[in-house]
Amino acid sequence: MSWPASNCTAATLMVIPAPVPLAKRCFQNIHSGDAGEQGEEQVFTHVVLMKFDDAADAAKARSLLEGLASAIDEIATLTVALDTLRTPVSYDLCMISTHTDVDALRAYQSHPAHLEVAGWLKPRLAARVVVDY
């Protein structure tokens, strides 16, 4: 799929920096095939983009999501960022969490603290997309 040049300009792109070790690991996975060597720590990444019916709810959502880091042991790292450009194609919030493996992600997703936050989020969401890798 190609995008018209008018839809993809520097002004409409948002870059969220990943922690350096994760960025290095992603580069190695894609470019050198070094992933999975003995002794290398495995990381499973969960990325969620959220668009709210009322964009003002994003700030409260950020606070609730950030509180999960101290409540759920299965979260290795957690980054929550709000969109600043607010373009027509922007989502309001991006959450990136890392976990030791898929089982840790599933434990996080079924944790009572996560379910409570999800209960607050779901009725306020206009859209949500997820990428897990």
Protein backbone atom coordinates (compact mmCIF):
# COMPACT_ATOMS: atom_id res chain seq x y z
CA MET A 1 0.00 0.00 0.00
CA SER A 2 1.39 3.41 -0.84
CA TRP A 3 0.38 6.56 0.95
CA PRO A 4 0.01 9.89 -0.84
CA ALA A 5 2.90 12.15 0.05
CA SER A 6 0.50 14.65 1.61
CA ASN A 7 -0.51 12.07 4.26
CA CYS A 8 3.00 11.25 5.44
CA THR A 9 5.03 14.30 6.34
CA ALA A 10 7.48 14.97 9.11
CA ALA A 11 4.77 16.96 10.88
CA THR A 12 2.44 13.95 11.13
CA LEU A 13 4.93 11.38 12.40
CA MET A 14 5.39 10.66 16.09
CA VAL A 15 8.46 8.78 17.23
CA ILE A 16 8.47 7.17 20.65
CA PRO A 17 11.99 6.24 21.70
CA ALA A 18 12.41 2.73 23.03
CA PRO A 19 14.84 1.93 25.84
CA VAL A 20 18.31 1.50 24.35
CA PRO A 21 18.65 -2.24 25.11
CA LEU A 22 15.28 -2.93 23.46
CA ALA A 23 16.16 -0.79 20.44
CA LYS A 24 19.48 -2.64 20.11
CA ARG A 25 17.70 -5.98 20.43
CA CYS A 26 15.14 -5.09 17.76
CA PHE A 27 17.91 -4.03 15.40
CA GLN A 28 19.75 -7.29 16.04
CA ASN A 29 16.60 -9.34 15.50
CA ILE A 30 15.84 -7.71 12.18
CA HIS A 31 19.32 -7.24 10.78
CA SER A 32 21.73 -9.80 12.16
CA GLY A 33 19.69 -12.81 13.18
CA ASP A 34 21.43 -12.86 16.58
CA ALA A 35 18.22 -13.15 18.62
CA GLY A 36 17.88 -16.15 20.86
CA GLU A 37 21.58 -16.85 21.35
CA GLN A 38 22.46 -18.53 24.62
CA GLY A 39 22.58 -16.06 27.48
CA GLU A 40 20.58 -13.34 25.70
CA GLU A 41 17.63 -12.04 27.70
CA GLN A 42 14.33 -12.52 25.87
CA VAL A 43 11.82 -9.66 25.78
CA PHE A 44 8.20 -9.76 24.68
CA THR A 45 6.78 -6.35 23.75
CA HIS A 46 3.13 -5.26 23.92
CA VAL A 47 2.19 -2.03 22.10
CA VAL A 48 -1.27 -0.49 22.42
CA LEU A 49 -2.57 2.64 20.71
CA MET A 50 -5.78 4.15 22.04
CA LYS A 51 -8.15 6.76 20.63
CA PHE A 52 -10.67 8.11 23.10
CA ASP A 53 -14.19 9.41 22.46
CA ASP A 54 -13.06 12.42 24.51
CA ALA A 55 -9.33 13.08 24.07
CA ALA A 56 -9.28 14.65 27.55
CA ASP A 57 -9.64 11.12 29.02
CA ALA A 58 -6.14 10.25 27.76
CA ALA A 59 -4.41 12.03 30.66
CA LYS A 60 -6.39 10.07 33.27
CA ALA A 61 -5.77 6.86 31.32
CA ARG A 62 -2.03 7.57 31.35
CA SER A 63 -2.07 7.95 35.12
CA LEU A 64 -4.05 4.74 35.63
CA LEU A 65 -1.83 2.76 33.26
CA GLU A 66 1.40 4.04 34.81
CA GLY A 67 0.12 2.87 38.21
CA LEU A 68 0.09 -0.71 36.92
CA ALA A 69 3.90 -0.85 36.79
CA SER A 70 4.18 -0.96 40.58
CA ALA A 71 1.16 -3.23 41.02
CA ILE A 72 1.94 -6.02 38.56
CA ASP A 73 5.21 -7.96 38.80
CA GLU A 74 4.90 -9.34 35.26
CA ILE A 75 5.53 -5.87 33.78
CA ALA A 76 9.27 -5.56 33.09
CA THR A 77 9.03 -2.01 31.70
CA LEU A 78 6.16 0.35 30.98
CA THR A 79 6.07 3.53 28.90
CA VAL A 80 2.91 5.56 28.40
CA ALA A 81 2.93 8.61 26.14
CA LEU A 82 0.27 11.07 25.03
CA ASP A 83 0.09 12.33 21.47
CA THR A 84 1.26 15.90 21.12
CA LEU A 85 0.61 16.70 17.45
CA ARG A 86 -3.07 15.70 17.42
CA THR A 87 -3.24 15.22 13.66
CA PRO A 88 -6.29 13.67 11.97
CA VAL A 89 -4.57 10.26 11.93
CA SER A 90 -3.19 10.42 15.48
CA TYR A 91 -4.23 8.20 18.34
CA ASP A 92 -4.39 9.83 21.78
CA LEU A 93 -2.20 7.46 23.79
CA CYS A 94 0.53 4.90 23.21
CA MET A 95 1.43 2.30 25.81
CA ILE A 96 4.46 0.04 25.45
CA SER A 97 5.09 -2.67 27.99
CA THR A 98 7.71 -5.39 28.00
CA HIS A 99 7.44 -8.81 29.58
CA THR A 100 9.77 -11.79 29.97
CA ASP A 101 7.58 -13.94 27.72
CA VAL A 102 4.04 -14.48 26.43
CA ASP A 103 2.97 -16.10 29.70
CA ALA A 104 4.02 -12.98 31.63
CA LEU A 105 1.98 -10.83 29.22
CA ARG A 106 -1.06 -13.06 29.75
CA ALA A 107 -0.60 -12.90 33.53
CA TYR A 108 -0.48 -9.09 33.29
CA GLN A 109 -3.63 -9.04 31.15
CA SER A 110 -5.58 -11.19 33.61
CA HIS A 111 -4.29 -9.42 36.74
CA PRO A 112 -7.12 -7.80 38.79
CA ALA A 113 -5.40 -4.37 38.69
CA HIS A 114 -5.23 -4.52 34.88
CA LEU A 115 -8.85 -5.66 34.64
CA GLU A 116 -9.92 -2.71 36.81
CA VAL A 117 -8.12 -0.21 34.58
CA ALA A 118 -9.48 -1.94 31.45
CA GLY A 119 -12.98 -1.60 32.90
CA TRP A 120 -12.46 2.16 33.12
CA LEU A 121 -10.89 2.39 29.66
CA LYS A 122 -13.21 0.29 27.49
CA PRO A 123 -16.34 2.46 27.59
CA ARG A 124 -14.24 5.56 26.79
CA LEU A 125 -12.41 4.14 23.76
CA ALA A 126 -13.33 5.02 20.19
CA ALA A 127 -10.62 2.68 18.88
CA ARG A 128 -7.72 0.53 20.02
CA VAL A 129 -4.98 -1.28 18.12
CA VAL A 130 -2.42 -3.73 19.48
CA VAL A 131 0.87 -5.17 18.26
CA ASP A 132 2.63 -7.93 20.21
CA TYR A 133 6.11 -9.11 19.30
